[in-house]
């Protein structure tokens, strides 16, 4: 069914009748298509479902194009990003085109589906802005971090699940909680992997988020656990090109205070709530998707 989604995206792009846009889009990595998979597993393979999944993936691609410009990121999944190859203006405009085409096609499906997904894009944009603001200085604002990852990552997953439930005639509230929790947990685990995984796995240097100014949950928990001297040192390393010794110090302190386990347990609790909801709905495939997210080595 994912192949049908890919064909529908290609058709949407072809509808624009612009050779440059088509050529640029072909250079984007397809990624894991998590949101499309979620929609298909909840709602099946009717044409409206395929279209919705394709639109959500186009919107997600647009957000990543803008994200790479905002973050001055020059790689995406270990390959040069579009802004690295063609500049920020081209990357931003392609993102705008994908957003606009997605919104246009949403109107054809149904007003309710359009409302759910459009609201998620508003949240996504607010989350991007909040991420930029939080990255200006070392932040210990846990509530701000959680709100930001909800808006920036989980809101579109939540909307995907809710839209799919509507298309399938299922109660959207439970599925939206499932999608939201998966989105939050996904980002939390992604933040953990930035610390625990190697460069070959990440496609970017380890501890890259901290260098970029992002104070993710593990760093907030570590700061709370450190003595005053340790807190000062951690703040001094924020946004810095870390030496090997500095990286080792951060990782050693995280191990000493059980920070990875603490952050992971928070992500796991969210996933377990999502699993309980889907077990109640006899959605064993969705239970399996959630289990895959937390059954990982750190």
Protein backbone atom coordinates (compact mmCIF):
# COMPACT_ATOMS: atom_id res chain seq x y z
CA UNK A 1 0.00 0.00 0.00
CA UNK A 2 2.94 2.32 0.58
CA UNK A 3 3.71 2.01 -3.13
CA UNK A 4 0.24 3.41 -3.85
CA UNK A 5 1.04 6.35 -1.57
CA UNK A 6 4.32 6.97 -3.42
CA UNK A 7 2.49 6.90 -6.77
CA UNK A 8 -0.10 9.34 -5.48
CA UNK A 9 2.62 11.76 -4.32
CA UNK A 10 4.25 11.49 -7.74
CA UNK A 11 0.88 12.25 -9.35
CA UNK A 12 0.37 15.30 -7.11
CA UNK A 13 3.82 16.57 -8.06
CA UNK A 14 3.19 15.86 -11.75
CA UNK A 15 -0.07 17.83 -11.54
CA UNK A 16 2.02 20.95 -10.89
CA UNK A 17 3.45 20.61 -14.41
CA UNK A 18 6.82 22.04 -13.40
CA UNK A 19 9.98 20.18 -14.40
CA UNK A 20 12.16 21.95 -11.81
CA UNK A 21 9.84 21.03 -8.94
CA UNK A 22 9.69 17.42 -10.16
CA UNK A 23 13.48 17.21 -10.38
CA UNK A 24 13.95 18.73 -6.94
CA UNK A 25 11.38 16.48 -5.30
CA UNK A 26 13.06 13.36 -6.70
CA UNK A 27 16.19 14.28 -4.74
CA UNK A 28 14.40 14.22 -1.39
CA UNK A 29 14.89 11.05 0.70
CA UNK A 30 11.60 9.21 1.16
CA UNK A 31 12.27 8.45 4.82
CA UNK A 32 10.40 5.91 6.92
CA UNK A 33 6.90 7.11 5.96
CA UNK A 34 5.78 6.57 9.56
CA UNK A 35 2.74 8.79 9.23
CA UNK A 36 1.58 7.13 6.01
CA UNK A 37 2.02 3.67 7.54
CA UNK A 38 -0.04 4.74 10.53
CA UNK A 39 -2.86 6.05 8.33
CA UNK A 40 -2.91 2.89 6.21
CA UNK A 41 -2.89 0.56 9.24
CA UNK A 42 -5.83 2.41 10.80
CA UNK A 43 -7.97 3.08 7.74
CA UNK A 44 -7.09 0.60 4.98
CA UNK A 45 -6.47 1.33 1.31
CA UNK A 46 -9.44 3.30 -0.05
CA UNK A 47 -8.51 6.11 -2.45
CA UNK A 48 -9.33 8.82 0.11
CA UNK A 49 -7.00 7.08 2.59
CA UNK A 50 -4.17 6.86 0.04
CA UNK A 51 -4.63 10.55 -0.79
CA UNK A 52 -4.60 11.55 2.88
CA UNK A 53 -1.43 9.56 3.52
CA UNK A 54 0.24 11.15 0.48
CA UNK A 55 -0.75 14.65 1.58
CA UNK A 56 0.56 14.11 5.12
CA UNK A 57 3.90 12.88 3.77
CA UNK A 58 4.15 15.91 1.48
CA UNK A 59 3.48 18.18 4.45
CA UNK A 60 6.08 16.33 6.51
CA UNK A 61 8.62 16.69 3.69
CA UNK A 62 7.89 20.42 3.53
CA UNK A 63 8.48 20.78 7.27
CA UNK A 64 11.84 19.01 6.97
CA UNK A 65 12.92 21.32 4.14
CA UNK A 66 12.18 24.34 6.32
CA UNK A 67 13.73 22.66 9.37
CA UNK A 68 17.04 22.11 7.56
CA UNK A 69 17.19 25.80 6.64
CA UNK A 70 16.36 26.91 10.19
CA UNK A 71 18.97 24.54 11.68
CA UNK A 72 21.64 25.29 9.04
CA UNK A 73 21.68 21.53 8.45
CA UNK A 74 23.62 20.43 5.40
CA UNK A 75 22.94 16.71 5.58
CA UNK A 76 19.73 14.74 5.73
CA UNK A 77 20.04 10.99 6.43
CA UNK A 78 23.78 11.11 5.71
CA UNK A 79 23.28 12.80 2.31
CA UNK A 80 23.55 16.48 1.33
CA UNK A 81 20.33 18.32 2.15
CA UNK A 82 18.50 20.25 -0.55
CA UNK A 83 19.56 23.58 0.94
CA UNK A 84 23.18 22.41 0.86
CA UNK A 85 22.88 21.59 -2.84
CA UNK A 86 20.72 24.45 -4.11
CA UNK A 87 20.57 27.05 -1.36
CA UNK A 88 18.05 28.13 1.23
CA UNK A 89 15.74 29.99 -1.15
CA UNK A 90 15.15 26.93 -3.31
CA UNK A 91 14.61 24.73 -0.28
CA UNK A 92 12.12 27.13 1.30
CA UNK A 93 10.17 27.57 -1.92
CA UNK A 94 9.93 23.83 -2.55
CA UNK A 95 8.63 23.45 1.00
CA UNK A 96 6.05 26.17 0.37
CA UNK A 97 4.94 24.45 -2.85
CA UNK A 98 4.51 21.10 -1.07
CA UNK A 99 2.52 22.77 1.72
CA UNK A 100 0.29 24.60 -0.75
CA UNK A 101 -0.36 21.53 -2.89
CA UNK A 102 -1.11 19.49 0.21
CA UNK A 103 -3.65 22.04 1.47
CA UNK A 104 -5.26 22.24 -1.97
CA UNK A 105 -5.72 18.46 -2.11
CA UNK A 106 -7.01 18.32 1.47
CA UNK A 107 -9.99 20.44 0.44
CA UNK A 108 -11.02 17.72 -2.02
CA UNK A 109 -11.16 15.00 0.64
CA UNK A 110 -13.38 16.53 3.35
CA UNK A 111 -13.61 19.70 5.46
CA UNK A 112 -13.18 17.72 8.70
CA UNK A 113 -10.01 15.97 7.53
CA UNK A 114 -8.69 19.29 6.24
CA UNK A 115 -9.38 20.95 9.60
CA UNK A 116 -7.56 18.26 11.61
CA UNK A 117 -4.44 18.25 9.45
CA UNK A 118 -4.35 22.02 8.90
CA UNK A 119 -4.50 22.57 12.65
CA UNK A 120 -1.54 20.21 13.05
CA UNK A 121 0.46 22.27 10.56
CA UNK A 122 -0.28 25.40 12.61
CA UNK A 123 1.00 23.55 15.68
CA UNK A 124 4.03 22.33 13.76
CA UNK A 125 4.92 25.88 12.75
CA UNK A 126 4.46 27.15 16.31
CA UNK A 127 6.72 24.33 17.46
CA UNK A 128 9.42 25.34 14.98
CA UNK A 129 9.32 28.89 16.32
CA UNK A 130 9.46 27.64 19.91
CA UNK A 131 12.42 25.39 19.05
CA UNK A 132 14.33 28.40 17.70
CA UNK A 133 13.53 30.43 20.83
CA UNK A 134 14.51 27.63 23.23
CA UNK A 135 17.81 27.12 21.36
CA UNK A 136 19.01 30.66 22.05
CA UNK A 137 20.23 29.74 25.53
CA UNK A 138 20.64 26.72 27.78
CA UNK A 139 17.11 25.90 28.95
CA UNK A 140 15.84 23.82 31.86
CA UNK A 141 12.20 24.43 30.96
CA UNK A 142 10.81 20.88 30.88
CA UNK A 143 7.26 22.04 30.17
CA UNK A 144 8.49 24.21 27.29
CA UNK A 145 10.46 21.29 25.83
CA UNK A 146 7.45 18.94 26.04
CA UNK A 147 5.14 21.52 24.46
CA UNK A 148 7.66 22.12 21.68
CA UNK A 149 8.06 18.43 20.77
CA UNK A 150 4.28 17.99 20.87
CA UNK A 151 3.82 20.85 18.43
CA UNK A 152 6.81 20.14 16.21
CA UNK A 153 6.63 16.34 16.02
CA UNK A 154 3.64 14.77 17.75
CA UNK A 155 0.88 17.05 16.42
CA UNK A 156 1.14 15.73 12.85
CA UNK A 157 1.27 12.12 14.10
CA UNK A 158 -1.79 12.84 16.25
CA UNK A 159 -3.62 14.39 13.29
CA UNK A 160 -2.65 11.50 11.01
CA UNK A 161 -4.17 8.98 13.40
CA UNK A 162 -7.28 11.11 13.94
CA UNK A 163 -7.84 11.67 10.23
CA UNK A 164 -7.41 7.95 9.53
CA UNK A 165 -9.90 7.07 12.26
CA UNK A 166 -12.46 9.46 10.75
CA UNK A 167 -11.96 7.92 7.31
CA UNK A 168 -12.44 4.45 8.80
CA UNK A 169 -15.45 5.39 10.92
CA UNK A 170 -13.58 4.75 14.17
CA UNK A 171 -13.64 6.92 17.35
CA UNK A 172 -10.97 9.48 16.62
CA UNK A 173 -10.20 10.48 20.24
CA UNK A 174 -8.47 7.20 21.20
CA UNK A 175 -6.51 7.12 17.97
CA UNK A 176 -5.41 10.73 18.39
CA UNK A 177 -4.09 9.95 21.87
CA UNK A 178 -2.27 6.97 20.38
CA UNK A 179 -0.74 9.13 17.64
CA UNK A 180 0.18 11.91 20.05
CA UNK A 181 1.88 9.53 22.48
CA UNK A 182 3.77 7.82 19.68
CA UNK A 183 4.92 11.18 18.35
CA UNK A 184 6.14 12.36 21.75
CA UNK A 185 7.90 9.07 22.46
CA UNK A 186 9.44 9.02 18.99
CA UNK A 187 11.02 12.43 19.55
CA UNK A 188 12.18 11.58 23.06
CA UNK A 189 13.88 8.43 21.80
CA UNK A 190 15.36 10.32 18.86
CA UNK A 191 16.84 12.78 21.37
CA UNK A 192 18.30 9.87 23.35
CA UNK A 193 19.84 8.34 20.23
CA UNK A 194 21.60 11.65 19.54
CA UNK A 195 23.55 10.91 22.72
CA UNK A 196 23.89 7.13 22.65
CA UNK A 197 24.24 6.22 18.97
CA UNK A 198 27.37 6.60 16.84
CA UNK A 199 27.82 8.92 13.85
CA UNK A 200 27.40 6.12 11.30
CA UNK A 201 23.99 5.26 12.73
CA UNK A 202 22.83 8.85 13.15
CA UNK A 203 24.09 10.27 9.88
CA UNK A 204 25.38 13.23 11.94
CA UNK A 205 27.91 13.67 14.76
CA UNK A 206 26.91 12.37 18.19
CA UNK A 207 25.69 15.02 20.69
CA UNK A 208 24.91 17.20 17.67
CA UNK A 209 21.67 18.50 19.21
CA UNK A 210 23.53 20.06 22.15
CA UNK A 211 25.96 21.79 19.80
CA UNK A 212 22.99 23.15 17.86
CA UNK A 213 21.58 24.70 21.04
CA UNK A 214 18.88 22.13 21.75
CA UNK A 215 18.48 21.35 25.45
CA UNK A 216 16.61 18.05 25.23
CA UNK A 217 15.14 16.06 28.11
CA UNK A 218 18.35 14.14 29.00
CA UNK A 219 20.30 17.39 29.38
CA UNK A 220 17.54 18.91 31.52
CA UNK A 221 17.53 15.84 33.78
CA UNK A 222 21.33 15.83 33.92
CA UNK A 223 21.41 19.50 34.89
CA UNK A 224 18.95 18.84 37.73
CA UNK A 225 21.14 15.97 39.00
CA UNK A 226 24.50 17.79 38.90
CA UNK A 227 26.12 19.82 41.67
CA UNK A 228 26.51 23.56 41.14
CA UNK A 229 30.00 23.15 39.65
CA UNK A 230 28.76 20.47 37.27
CA UNK A 231 25.81 22.61 36.23
CA UNK A 232 28.15 25.46 35.39
CA UNK A 233 30.31 23.16 33.29
CA UNK A 234 27.33 21.74 31.41
CA UNK A 235 26.07 25.26 30.63
CA UNK A 236 29.54 26.23 29.38
CA UNK A 237 29.51 23.35 26.88
CA UNK A 238 26.16 24.35 25.36
CA UNK A 239 26.45 25.19 21.60
CA UNK A 240 30.18 24.35 21.70
CA UNK A 241 32.14 22.06 19.36
CA UNK A 242 32.79 19.41 21.98
CA UNK A 243 36.18 17.78 22.38
CA UNK A 244 36.41 14.05 22.91
CA UNK A 245 36.99 14.58 26.63
CA UNK A 246 33.98 16.86 26.92
CA UNK A 247 31.75 14.32 25.18
CA UNK A 248 33.05 11.61 27.50
CA UNK A 249 32.33 13.79 30.54
CA UNK A 250 28.70 14.35 29.49
CA UNK A 251 28.15 10.66 28.73
CA UNK A 252 29.86 9.56 31.96
CA UNK A 253 27.69 11.88 34.05
CA UNK A 254 24.56 10.67 32.29
CA UNK A 255 25.55 7.10 33.11
CA UNK A 256 26.39 8.01 36.71
CA UNK A 257 22.96 9.50 37.35
CA UNK A 258 20.92 7.07 35.22
CA UNK A 259 19.76 9.86 32.92
CA UNK A 260 19.21 7.77 29.79
CA UNK A 261 17.09 5.28 31.74
CA UNK A 262 15.06 8.09 33.33
CA UNK A 263 14.29 9.75 30.00
CA UNK A 264 13.59 6.41 28.34
CA UNK A 265 11.12 5.46 31.09
CA UNK A 266 9.11 8.61 30.34
CA UNK A 267 8.93 7.69 26.65
CA UNK A 268 8.05 4.11 27.55
CA UNK A 269 5.16 5.23 29.78
CA UNK A 270 3.65 7.16 26.86
CA UNK A 271 3.96 4.15 24.57
CA UNK A 272 2.42 1.85 27.17
CA UNK A 273 -0.61 4.13 27.41
CA UNK A 274 -0.93 4.03 23.62
CA UNK A 275 -0.65 0.23 23.65
CA UNK A 276 -3.38 -0.10 26.27
CA UNK A 277 -5.74 2.01 24.17
CA UNK A 278 -5.12 -0.03 21.04
CA UNK A 279 -5.45 -3.34 22.86
CA UNK A 280 -8.85 -2.15 24.04
CA UNK A 281 -9.70 -1.46 20.38
CA UNK A 282 -8.30 -4.86 19.24
CA UNK A 283 -5.74 -3.06 17.05
CA UNK A 284 -2.88 -5.55 17.41
CA UNK A 285 -1.01 -4.18 14.39
CA UNK A 286 -0.92 -0.74 16.03
CA UNK A 287 0.21 -2.37 19.27
CA UNK A 288 3.08 -3.90 17.31
CA UNK A 289 4.08 -0.55 15.83
CA UNK A 290 4.21 0.96 19.31
CA UNK A 291 6.22 -1.95 20.71
CA UNK A 292 8.84 -1.58 17.97
CA UNK A 293 9.43 1.97 19.11
CA UNK A 294 10.42 1.08 22.65
CA UNK A 295 12.15 -2.26 22.08
CA UNK A 296 15.48 -0.66 21.21
CA UNK A 297 18.97 -0.72 22.64
CA UNK A 298 20.61 2.40 24.04
